[in-house]
Every structure is written in C-alpha cells, then in structure tokens.
C-alpha cells in the first residue's frame, strides 16, 4: 500500500501531546506509526463487532481486508506444481 504524502508545511501534523514536532524523518515516522495504529484499532473494532454481534456485516475496504488476511494467496505457483508432479508410471515397473 502506498503511503500518501504528508502535506508540505513547516511542522508535521503530529505532536507528542504538546507542541507540534518540527518536520523531519522522525516526525514522519511517528505520523505513520499513529496512522497505522488508528487503522489497526478500526480493524480490531470491526472484527470484534463481527464476532460478537449476530447478523453484523462489517464493511471493509481492500486494504483492511488484506490486513485481516482475507487475500493471502496459498495456491502453488506453476513452477511449484510442476516440481511436485509425480510420474506414477515409473514407480509401477
């Protein structure tokens, strides 16, 4: 998932509870950590609602679904399938 760009300003959007942090790599890391935590909180809330509320259908976007593990590809690749093929006619000699 591509990260959107933080708006160009003299200070970052985040703060540590006091004054805004000067725009820096550290501030950007903190911002994205806060965004990731907020996203995870929302996913956790939707999952909890779906598990505890009968008939509840949680609407999730593709990024949320991927984070929830809905689109984990477990199929064999073509190369893996060819490598795992067994020729039974040779073993019956």
C-alpha atoms as a PDB file:
ATOM      1  CA  UNK A   1       0.000   0.000   0.000  1.00  0.00           C
ATOM      2  CA  UNK A   2       1.459   3.358  -0.992  1.00  0.00           C
ATOM      3  CA  UNK A   3       1.622   5.959   1.737  1.00  0.00           C
ATOM      4  CA  UNK A   4       0.015   9.305   0.892  1.00  0.00           C
ATOM      5  CA  UNK A   5       2.356  12.265   1.195  1.00  0.00           C
ATOM      6  CA  UNK A   6       2.185  14.390   4.318  1.00  0.00           C
ATOM      7  CA  UNK A   7       1.184  17.943   3.350  1.00  0.00           C
ATOM      8  CA  UNK A   8       4.138  20.294   2.942  1.00  0.00           C
ATOM      9  CA  UNK A   9       4.219  22.534   5.984  1.00  0.00           C
ATOM     10  CA  UNK A  10       6.835  23.841   8.383  1.00  0.00           C
ATOM     11  CA  UNK A  11       5.663  21.427  11.058  1.00  0.00           C
ATOM     12  CA  UNK A  12       4.411  17.886  10.901  1.00  0.00           C
ATOM     13  CA  UNK A  13       0.799  17.064  11.617  1.00  0.00           C
ATOM     14  CA  UNK A  14       1.652  15.040  14.711  1.00  0.00           C
ATOM     15  CA  UNK A  15       2.547  16.122  18.188  1.00  0.00           C
ATOM     16  CA  UNK A  16       3.538  14.314  21.351  1.00  0.00           C
ATOM     17  CA  UNK A  17       0.801  15.928  23.363  1.00  0.00           C
ATOM     18  CA  UNK A  18       2.358  19.367  23.381  1.00  0.00           C
ATOM     19  CA  UNK A  19       3.874  21.477  20.659  1.00  0.00           C
ATOM     20  CA  UNK A  20       3.975  20.264  17.048  1.00  0.00           C
ATOM     21  CA  UNK A  21       7.141  18.409  16.126  1.00  0.00           C
ATOM     22  CA  UNK A  22       9.428  20.028  13.550  1.00  0.00           C
ATOM     23  CA  UNK A  23       9.038  18.364  10.170  1.00  0.00           C
ATOM     24  CA  UNK A  24      11.649  15.636   9.998  1.00  0.00           C
ATOM     25  CA  UNK A  25      12.110  11.980   9.180  1.00  0.00           C
ATOM     26  CA  UNK A  26      11.424  11.224  12.843  1.00  0.00           C
ATOM     27  CA  UNK A  27       8.148  13.176  12.753  1.00  0.00           C
ATOM     28  CA  UNK A  28       7.104  11.410   9.573  1.00  0.00           C
ATOM     29  CA  UNK A  29       7.812   8.000  11.153  1.00  0.00           C
ATOM     30  CA  UNK A  30       5.768   8.982  14.191  1.00  0.00           C
ATOM     31  CA  UNK A  31       2.915  10.185  11.976  1.00  0.00           C
ATOM     32  CA  UNK A  32       2.785   6.899  10.041  1.00  0.00           C
ATOM     33  CA  UNK A  33       3.006   4.878  13.246  1.00  0.00           C
ATOM     34  CA  UNK A  34      -0.023   6.794  14.545  1.00  0.00           C
ATOM     35  CA  UNK A  35      -1.901   6.251  11.271  1.00  0.00           C
ATOM     36  CA  UNK A  36      -1.108   2.511  11.344  1.00  0.00           C
ATOM     37  CA  UNK A  37      -2.261   2.259  14.970  1.00  0.00           C
ATOM     38  CA  UNK A  38      -5.521   4.053  14.169  1.00  0.00           C
ATOM     39  CA  UNK A  39      -6.127   1.756  11.187  1.00  0.00           C
ATOM     40  CA  UNK A  40      -5.428  -1.314  13.322  1.00  0.00           C
ATOM     41  CA  UNK A  41      -7.794  -0.044  16.038  1.00  0.00           C
ATOM     42  CA  UNK A  42     -10.551   0.308  13.430  1.00  0.00           C
ATOM     43  CA  UNK A  43      -9.893  -3.203  12.083  1.00  0.00           C
ATOM     44  CA  UNK A  44      -9.925  -4.611  15.629  1.00  0.00           C
ATOM     45  CA  UNK A  45     -13.230  -2.857  16.343  1.00  0.00           C
ATOM     46  CA  UNK A  46     -14.835  -4.166  13.144  1.00  0.00           C
ATOM     47  CA  UNK A  47     -13.576  -7.681  13.850  1.00  0.00           C
ATOM     48  CA  UNK A  48     -14.883  -7.589  17.423  1.00  0.00           C
ATOM     49  CA  UNK A  49     -18.282  -6.324  16.231  1.00  0.00           C
ATOM     50  CA  UNK A  50     -18.473  -9.059  13.585  1.00  0.00           C
ATOM     51  CA  UNK A  51     -17.616 -11.764  16.123  1.00  0.00           C
ATOM     52  CA  UNK A  52     -19.931 -10.609  18.908  1.00  0.00           C
ATOM     53  CA  UNK A  53     -22.968  -9.127  17.150  1.00  0.00           C
ATOM     54  CA  UNK A  54     -25.255 -11.668  15.468  1.00  0.00           C
ATOM     55  CA  UNK A  55     -26.041 -10.639  11.891  1.00  0.00           C
ATOM     56  CA  UNK A  56     -23.447  -7.859  11.842  1.00  0.00           C
ATOM     57  CA  UNK A  57     -21.733  -7.435   8.479  1.00  0.00           C
ATOM     58  CA  UNK A  58     -18.633  -5.266   8.669  1.00  0.00           C
ATOM     59  CA  UNK A  59     -17.856  -3.205   5.582  1.00  0.00           C
ATOM     60  CA  UNK A  60     -14.114  -3.263   4.914  1.00  0.00           C
ATOM     61  CA  UNK A  61     -12.054  -1.689   2.178  1.00  0.00           C
ATOM     62  CA  UNK A  62      -9.478  -3.764   0.234  1.00  0.00           C
ATOM     63  CA  UNK A  63      -6.569  -2.556   2.412  1.00  0.00           C
ATOM     64  CA  UNK A  64      -8.408  -3.544   5.588  1.00  0.00           C
ATOM     65  CA  UNK A  65      -9.319  -6.918   4.116  1.00  0.00           C
ATOM     66  CA  UNK A  66      -5.691  -7.549   3.181  1.00  0.00           C
ATOM     67  CA  UNK A  67      -4.537  -6.635   6.703  1.00  0.00           C
ATOM     68  CA  UNK A  68      -7.167  -9.029   8.067  1.00  0.00           C
ATOM     69  CA  UNK A  69      -5.678 -11.811   5.946  1.00  0.00           C
ATOM     70  CA  UNK A  70      -8.574 -12.148   3.528  1.00  0.00           C
ATOM     71  CA  UNK A  71      -6.391 -12.201   0.434  1.00  0.00           C
ATOM     72  CA  UNK A  72      -3.460 -14.406   1.386  1.00  0.00           C
ATOM     73  CA  UNK A  73      -2.505 -16.406  -1.701  1.00  0.00           C
ATOM     74  CA  UNK A  74      -1.789 -20.008  -0.759  1.00  0.00           C
ATOM     75  CA  UNK A  75      -2.007 -21.695  -4.155  1.00  0.00           C
ATOM     76  CA  UNK A  76       1.021 -23.334  -5.719  1.00  0.00           C
ATOM     77  CA  UNK A  77       2.840 -21.418  -8.392  1.00  0.00           C
ATOM     78  CA  UNK A  78       3.172 -23.067 -11.799  1.00  0.00           C
ATOM     79  CA  UNK A  79       6.811 -23.914 -11.034  1.00  0.00           C
ATOM     80  CA  UNK A  80       5.884 -25.476  -7.675  1.00  0.00           C
ATOM     81  CA  UNK A  81       3.140 -27.547  -9.298  1.00  0.00           C
ATOM     82  CA  UNK A  82       5.496 -28.854 -11.997  1.00  0.00           C
ATOM     83  CA  UNK A  83       8.191 -29.649  -9.414  1.00  0.00           C
ATOM     84  CA  UNK A  84       5.723 -31.575  -7.256  1.00  0.00           C
ATOM     85  CA  UNK A  85       4.333 -33.678 -10.128  1.00  0.00           C
ATOM     86  CA  UNK A  86       4.884 -37.389  -9.689  1.00  0.00           C
ATOM     87  CA  UNK A  87       5.059 -39.757 -12.642  1.00  0.00           C
ATOM     88  CA  UNK A  88       3.346 -42.855 -11.264  1.00  0.00           C
ATOM     89  CA  UNK A  89       4.038 -44.945 -14.371  1.00  0.00           C
ATOM     90  CA  UNK A  90       7.763 -45.117 -13.496  1.00  0.00           C
ATOM     91  CA  UNK A  91       7.084 -46.449  -9.985  1.00  0.00           C
ATOM     92  CA  UNK A  92       4.938 -49.374 -11.218  1.00  0.00           C
ATOM     93  CA  UNK A  93       7.760 -51.165 -13.099  1.00  0.00           C
END
